Protein backbone atom coordinates (compact mmCIF):
# COMPACT_ATOMS: atom_id res chain seq x y z
CA UNK A 1 0.00 0.00 0.00
CA UNK A 2 1.36 3.42 -0.97
CA UNK A 3 1.50 5.95 1.89
CA UNK A 4 -0.20 9.24 0.95
CA UNK A 5 0.93 11.17 4.05
CA UNK A 6 4.28 12.34 2.59
CA UNK A 7 2.23 14.20 -0.03
CA UNK A 8 -0.49 15.39 2.34
CA UNK A 9 1.84 16.88 4.96
CA UNK A 10 3.21 19.36 2.41
CA UNK A 11 -0.25 20.75 1.62
CA UNK A 12 -1.05 23.73 3.88
CA UNK A 13 -4.41 23.94 5.65
CA UNK A 14 -5.89 26.74 7.83
CA UNK A 15 -5.25 26.40 11.56
CA UNK A 16 -8.20 25.44 13.79
CA UNK A 17 -8.52 24.97 17.55
CA UNK A 18 -10.50 22.67 19.79
CA UNK A 19 -13.81 23.47 21.45
CA UNK A 20 -15.44 21.63 24.37
CA UNK A 21 -15.27 17.84 24.04
CA UNK A 22 -18.67 16.31 23.25
CA UNK A 23 -17.94 12.97 21.55
CA UNK A 24 -15.49 10.17 22.21
CA UNK A 25 -14.95 8.07 19.09
CA UNK A 26 -13.58 4.64 19.97
CA UNK A 27 -11.88 2.51 17.32
CA UNK A 28 -12.08 -1.03 18.71
CA UNK A 29 -9.70 -2.43 16.11
CA UNK A 30 -9.05 -2.75 12.40
CA UNK A 31 -10.46 -6.25 11.85
CA UNK A 32 -13.47 -6.39 9.52
CA UNK A 33 -15.36 -9.03 7.59
CA UNK A 34 -15.07 -6.80 4.50
CA UNK A 35 -12.19 -5.18 2.62
CA UNK A 36 -13.76 -2.15 0.90
CA UNK A 37 -11.96 -0.12 -1.76
CA UNK A 38 -12.80 3.23 -0.14
CA UNK A 39 -11.86 2.21 3.44
CA UNK A 40 -9.71 4.91 5.06
CA UNK A 41 -8.88 2.47 7.88
CA UNK A 42 -7.48 -0.23 5.61
CA UNK A 43 -9.61 -2.73 7.53
CA UNK A 44 -9.84 -6.37 6.48
CA UNK A 45 -10.41 -9.90 7.86
CA UNK A 46 -6.63 -10.24 8.18
CA UNK A 47 -5.96 -7.31 10.52
CA UNK A 48 -4.91 -8.33 14.05
CA UNK A 49 -5.20 -5.00 15.88
CA UNK A 50 -7.77 -5.22 18.68
CA UNK A 51 -8.37 -3.08 21.78
CA UNK A 52 -7.28 -4.76 25.02
CA UNK A 53 -9.50 -5.35 28.04
CA UNK A 54 -7.54 -2.79 30.05
CA UNK A 55 -8.05 -0.11 27.40
CA UNK A 56 -11.76 -0.96 27.27
CA UNK A 57 -11.88 -0.22 31.01
CA UNK A 58 -10.04 3.09 30.44
CA UNK A 59 -12.70 4.08 27.90
CA UNK A 60 -15.49 3.33 30.39
CA UNK A 61 -13.70 5.22 33.16
CA UNK A 62 -13.09 8.23 30.90
CA UNK A 63 -16.74 8.44 29.83
CA UNK A 64 -17.85 8.23 33.44
CA UNK A 65 -15.29 10.68 34.83
CA UNK A 66 -15.88 13.41 32.25
CA UNK A 67 -19.59 12.71 31.64
CA UNK A 68 -19.13 12.34 27.90
CA UNK A 69 -22.44 12.86 26.14
CA UNK A 70 -21.84 10.66 23.10
CA UNK A 71 -19.68 7.60 22.36
CA UNK A 72 -19.11 6.61 18.74
CA UNK A 73 -18.04 2.97 18.30
CA UNK A 74 -16.15 2.25 15.10
CA UNK A 75 -13.54 -0.04 13.55
CA UNK A 76 -13.05 -2.17 11.39
CA UNK A 77 -16.28 -3.81 12.30
CA UNK A 78 -16.72 -2.99 16.02
CA UNK A 79 -19.18 -5.88 16.43
CA UNK A 80 -16.28 -8.32 15.93
CA UNK A 81 -14.57 -7.19 19.13
CA UNK A 82 -14.95 -9.93 21.79
CA UNK A 83 -15.94 -7.33 24.41
CA UNK A 84 -18.26 -5.31 22.20
CA UNK A 85 -21.42 -6.23 24.11
CA UNK A 86 -19.70 -5.77 27.49
CA UNK A 87 -18.68 -2.24 26.50
CA UNK A 88 -22.18 -1.41 25.25
CA UNK A 89 -23.74 -2.58 28.53
CA UNK A 90 -21.32 -0.51 30.61
CA UNK A 91 -21.79 2.61 28.49
CA UNK A 92 -25.57 2.30 28.60
CA UNK A 93 -25.39 2.48 32.40
CA UNK A 94 -23.62 5.85 32.06
CA UNK A 95 -26.57 7.38 30.19
CA UNK A 96 -24.56 8.45 27.17
CA UNK A 97 -25.75 8.21 23.58
CA UNK A 98 -24.08 5.26 21.82
CA UNK A 99 -23.48 5.29 18.08
CA UNK A 100 -22.51 2.12 16.24
CA UNK A 101 -20.80 2.32 12.85
CA UNK A 102 -21.83 -0.92 11.22
CA UNK A 103 -21.29 -2.32 7.75
CA UNK A 104 -24.60 -4.22 8.24
CA UNK A 105 -23.29 -7.39 6.56
CA UNK A 106 -21.42 -8.42 9.73
CA UNK A 107 -24.77 -8.93 11.46
CA UNK A 108 -25.57 -11.71 8.97
CA UNK A 109 -22.63 -13.79 10.21
CA UNK A 110 -23.86 -16.73 12.27
CA UNK A 111 -21.87 -15.81 15.40
CA UNK A 112 -23.04 -12.17 15.40
CA UNK A 113 -26.65 -12.35 14.23
CA UNK A 114 -27.89 -12.34 17.84
CA UNK A 115 -26.48 -8.82 18.31
CA UNK A 116 -29.46 -7.30 16.51
CA UNK A 117 -31.63 -7.94 19.55
CA UNK A 118 -28.97 -6.34 21.76
CA UNK A 119 -28.90 -3.23 19.57
CA UNK A 120 -32.62 -2.88 20.16
CA UNK A 121 -32.30 -3.52 23.90
CA UNK A 122 -29.66 -0.84 24.40
CA UNK A 123 -31.11 1.51 21.78
CA UNK A 124 -27.90 2.07 19.85
CA UNK A 125 -28.04 4.62 17.04
CA UNK A 126 -26.93 2.63 14.00
CA UNK A 127 -24.77 4.47 11.47
CA UNK A 128 -24.98 1.98 8.66
CA UNK A 129 -22.57 1.96 5.75
CA UNK A 130 -24.62 1.73 2.55
CA UNK A 131 -22.62 3.40 -0.24
CA UNK A 132 -25.39 3.07 -2.81
CA UNK A 133 -28.88 1.64 -3.28
CA UNK A 134 -27.78 -0.25 -6.41
CA UNK A 135 -26.56 -3.83 -5.94
CA UNK A 136 -23.91 -3.61 -8.67
CA UNK A 137 -22.26 -0.53 -7.17
CA UNK A 138 -22.26 -1.83 -3.60
CA UNK A 139 -20.82 -5.22 -4.54
CA UNK A 140 -18.17 -3.58 -6.73
CA UNK A 141 -17.01 -1.41 -3.83
CA UNK A 142 -17.44 -3.87 -0.95
CA UNK A 143 -17.46 -7.43 -2.35
CA UNK A 144 -19.92 -9.79 -4.06
CA UNK A 145 -23.02 -10.57 -2.02
CA UNK A 146 -22.57 -7.64 0.37
CA UNK A 147 -25.62 -5.77 -0.92
CA UNK A 148 -27.98 -8.67 -0.29
CA UNK A 149 -26.60 -9.14 3.23
CA UNK A 150 -27.18 -5.44 3.92
CA UNK A 151 -30.75 -5.65 2.64
CA UNK A 152 -31.44 -8.66 4.90
CA UNK A 153 -30.07 -6.81 7.92
CA UNK A 154 -32.05 -3.66 7.20
CA UNK A 155 -35.26 -5.67 6.84
CA UNK A 156 -34.68 -7.42 10.15
CA UNK A 157 -33.84 -4.18 11.93
CA UNK A 158 -37.05 -2.65 10.57
CA UNK A 159 -39.00 -5.65 11.87
CA UNK A 160 -37.47 -5.08 15.30
CA UNK A 161 -38.56 -1.44 15.33
CA UNK A 162 -35.68 0.49 13.80
CA UNK A 163 -36.87 3.54 11.83
CA UNK A 164 -40.38 2.91 13.16
CA UNK A 165 -39.94 3.64 16.86
CA UNK A 166 -38.68 7.05 17.99
CA UNK A 167 -35.85 5.66 20.12
CA UNK A 168 -34.56 3.23 17.46
CA UNK A 169 -32.68 5.26 14.87
CA UNK A 170 -30.87 3.93 11.83
CA UNK A 171 -29.02 6.29 9.49
CA UNK A 172 -27.44 5.19 6.22
CA UNK A 173 -23.95 6.38 5.28
CA UNK A 174 -23.19 7.14 1.64
CA UNK A 175 -19.68 7.26 0.16
CA UNK A 176 -18.95 8.20 -3.47
CA UNK A 177 -17.71 5.40 -5.71
CA UNK A 178 -14.43 7.18 -6.45
CA UNK A 179 -12.58 10.49 -6.71
CA UNK A 180 -15.57 12.80 -6.59
CA UNK A 181 -17.58 14.77 -4.04
CA UNK A 182 -20.85 13.33 -2.70
CA UNK A 183 -24.08 14.63 -4.21
CA UNK A 184 -26.38 16.94 -2.25
CA UNK A 185 -27.36 15.09 0.93
CA UNK A 186 -31.03 16.09 1.21
CA UNK A 187 -31.94 15.18 -2.37
CA UNK A 188 -30.01 11.90 -2.21
CA UNK A 189 -31.90 10.97 0.96
CA UNK A 190 -35.20 11.44 -0.86
CA UNK A 191 -34.03 9.23 -3.74
CA UNK A 192 -32.70 6.51 -1.43
CA UNK A 193 -35.84 6.41 0.71
CA UNK A 194 -38.04 6.13 -2.37
CA UNK A 195 -35.93 3.40 -3.99
CA UNK A 196 -35.47 1.25 -0.87
CA UNK A 197 -39.13 1.51 0.09
CA UNK A 198 -40.52 0.75 -3.37
CA UNK A 199 -38.08 -2.07 -4.16
CA UNK A 200 -37.34 -3.64 -0.77
CA UNK A 201 -39.93 -2.26 1.69
CA UNK A 202 -37.09 -0.80 3.77
CA UNK A 203 -37.25 2.29 5.98
CA UNK A 204 -34.47 4.38 7.53
CA UNK A 205 -34.28 7.71 9.35
CA UNK A 206 -31.66 9.78 7.53
CA UNK A 207 -29.00 9.45 4.86
CA UNK A 208 -25.60 10.99 5.61
CA UNK A 209 -22.98 11.70 2.95
CA UNK A 210 -19.26 11.38 3.68
CA UNK A 211 -16.42 12.42 1.36
CA UNK A 212 -13.74 9.82 0.65
CA UNK A 213 -10.50 10.92 2.31
CA UNK A 214 -7.23 10.56 0.34
CA UNK A 215 -5.58 8.37 2.98
CA UNK A 216 -4.77 4.70 3.55
CA UNK A 217 -6.37 2.33 1.01
CA UNK A 218 -8.24 5.02 -0.93
CA UNK A 219 -5.21 7.32 -0.91
CA UNK A 220 -3.06 4.47 -2.22
CA UNK A 221 -5.51 3.81 -5.05
CA UNK A 222 -5.48 7.50 -5.99
CA UNK A 223 -1.69 7.56 -6.19
CA UNK A 224 -1.37 4.29 -8.09
CA UNK A 225 -3.96 5.42 -10.67
CA UNK A 226 -2.50 8.93 -11.02
CA UNK A 227 -5.63 10.58 -9.59
CA UNK A 228 -4.16 11.97 -6.37
CA UNK A 229 -3.26 15.42 -7.69
CA UNK A 230 -6.55 15.92 -9.52
CA UNK A 231 -8.55 14.79 -6.49
CA UNK A 232 -6.67 17.15 -4.19
CA UNK A 233 -7.27 19.95 -6.69
CA UNK A 234 -10.99 19.18 -6.59
CA UNK A 235 -11.02 19.24 -2.77
CA UNK A 236 -9.00 22.45 -2.52
CA UNK A 237 -11.02 24.24 -5.20
CA UNK A 238 -14.22 23.22 -3.37
CA UNK A 239 -13.00 24.47 0.03
CA UNK A 240 -15.60 26.44 2.02
CA UNK A 241 -14.17 28.34 4.99
CA UNK A 242 -17.59 28.30 6.68
CA UNK A 243 -17.13 24.57 7.28
CA UNK A 244 -14.18 25.25 9.58
CA UNK A 245 -16.55 26.17 12.41
CA UNK A 246 -18.35 22.85 12.24
CA UNK A 247 -15.71 20.20 11.52
CA UNK A 248 -16.08 17.24 13.86
CA UNK A 249 -12.53 17.37 15.23
CA UNK A 250 -13.33 20.51 17.19
CA UNK A 251 -15.64 18.66 19.60
CA UNK A 252 -14.43 15.06 19.23
CA UNK A 253 -11.40 12.95 20.05
CA UNK A 254 -10.65 9.58 18.53
CA UNK A 255 -8.97 6.84 20.56
CA UNK A 256 -7.25 3.94 18.82
CA UNK A 257 -7.05 0.27 19.79
CA UNK A 258 -3.93 0.98 21.87
CA UNK A 259 -5.57 3.83 23.77
CA UNK A 260 -3.80 6.76 22.06
CA UNK A 261 -5.73 9.97 21.33
CA UNK A 262 -6.19 11.74 17.99
CA UNK A 263 -8.16 14.74 16.75
CA UNK A 264 -10.18 12.48 14.46
CA UNK A 265 -10.31 8.96 13.02
CA UNK A 266 -8.56 10.17 9.86
CA UNK A 267 -5.60 11.54 11.83
CA UNK A 268 -5.50 8.21 13.63
CA UNK A 269 -4.87 6.46 10.33
CA UNK A 270 -2.04 8.89 9.58
CA UNK A 271 -0.59 8.48 13.10
CA UNK A 272 -1.04 12.21 13.78
CA UNK A 273 -1.69 11.90 17.49
CA UNK A 274 -2.62 14.56 20.02
CA UNK A 275 0.70 15.32 21.67
CA UNK A 276 1.94 16.30 25.10
CA UNK A 277 5.64 17.16 25.49
CA UNK A 278 6.20 15.85 21.92
CA UNK A 279 4.77 12.41 22.74
CA UNK A 280 1.38 10.99 21.79
CA UNK A 281 -0.99 11.06 24.73
CA UNK A 282 -3.05 8.14 26.00
CA UNK A 283 -6.70 8.41 26.95
CA UNK A 284 -5.87 7.70 30.59
CA UNK A 285 -3.70 10.85 30.63
CA UNK A 286 -5.96 13.08 28.56
CA UNK A 287 -7.73 15.91 30.39
CA UNK A 288 -10.45 17.57 28.23
CA UNK A 289 -10.60 20.76 30.29
CA UNK A 290 -6.87 21.32 29.83
CA UNK A 291 -7.05 20.80 26.09
CA UNK A 292 -9.69 23.32 25.04
CA UNK A 293 -8.55 25.87 22.45
CA UNK A 294 -5.37 23.93 21.60
CA UNK A 295 -4.45 23.60 17.88
CA UNK A 296 -5.68 20.61 15.93
CA UNK A 297 -3.22 18.61 13.81
CA UNK A 298 -4.02 19.43 10.18
CA UNK A 299 -2.72 18.46 6.73
CA UNK A 300 -3.97 18.24 3.16
CA UNK A 301 -6.53 15.53 3.88
CA UNK A 302 -8.52 18.05 5.97
CA UNK A 303 -9.78 19.56 2.71
CA UNK A 304 -11.93 16.44 2.43
CA UNK A 305 -13.97 17.57 5.45
CA UNK A 306 -14.30 21.19 4.28
CA UNK A 307 -14.98 20.78 0.56
CA UNK A 308 -18.43 21.60 -0.81
CA UNK A 309 -21.18 20.98 1.74
CA UNK A 310 -18.55 19.67 4.15
CA UNK A 311 -18.12 16.17 5.52
CA UNK A 312 -18.03 14.59 8.94
CA UNK A 313 -18.90 11.29 10.58
CA UNK A 314 -22.35 12.85 10.98
CA UNK A 315 -22.75 13.67 7.30
CA UNK A 316 -22.56 16.99 5.48
CA UNK A 317 -21.99 20.17 7.48
CA UNK A 318 -24.15 22.62 5.53
């Protein structure tokens, strides 16, 4: 895999500072049942990185100590972590909102199918990766048969109350197929809802669009196909300074499987950690109140979050 960071670090980006911490994003590891072309994590079934039991406890303690309002569980496929359900149960007792970033297909695996009932029980907000409503496009990006597995999972989640009951929310996540910006989020949501309802009798709450970041697997593809420069030109030419006020890194920190802290999940993949005395800081040593207004680590990839309507783990910004 070709590393895009040597190119990205030489691209200047406006300085931005932290606000008050609202969300802790927890990457439980890079193992996944899929190996998607657009994956900025580089996740796959062959990755061995997994968060330890001791770091899981540090996450729980941190959320409790600082009364974190929202915890965002991601990966890889976070459901594959052996302590996934334990962590969910502990977090639910702390009255924080729990988001689960799921590829949906993992819940069709025999050993993990039971988790759907647990998602209902603990009322997790499901942020479901569904890059397109067309089978051909999804399978091309994520692997043959993935689309049908996603449809099965969505149907079952609907049957269990998701998108029908107020406290059971499922949002679909859209990624472009390649080196282009996502379409307008509101209009795409209308199209997706119409198509999935008419063709599959499937309901969901909202559709969120996320720009592909030129890092890790996607960044490597851009470089190897000579599209990196043109894609960066697109992102930089589409920059909107108004998005700087709303980028997710201002109110979020990302913690990796080893317990180190980053300004966002993308910086995590580039090993751009939040530093203290020139060393990366661990979650157990991170103090949110001491880190307000400090500069965020930025590089060329940050244009992906500020281009056009903007992009974050919660969809477009404007």
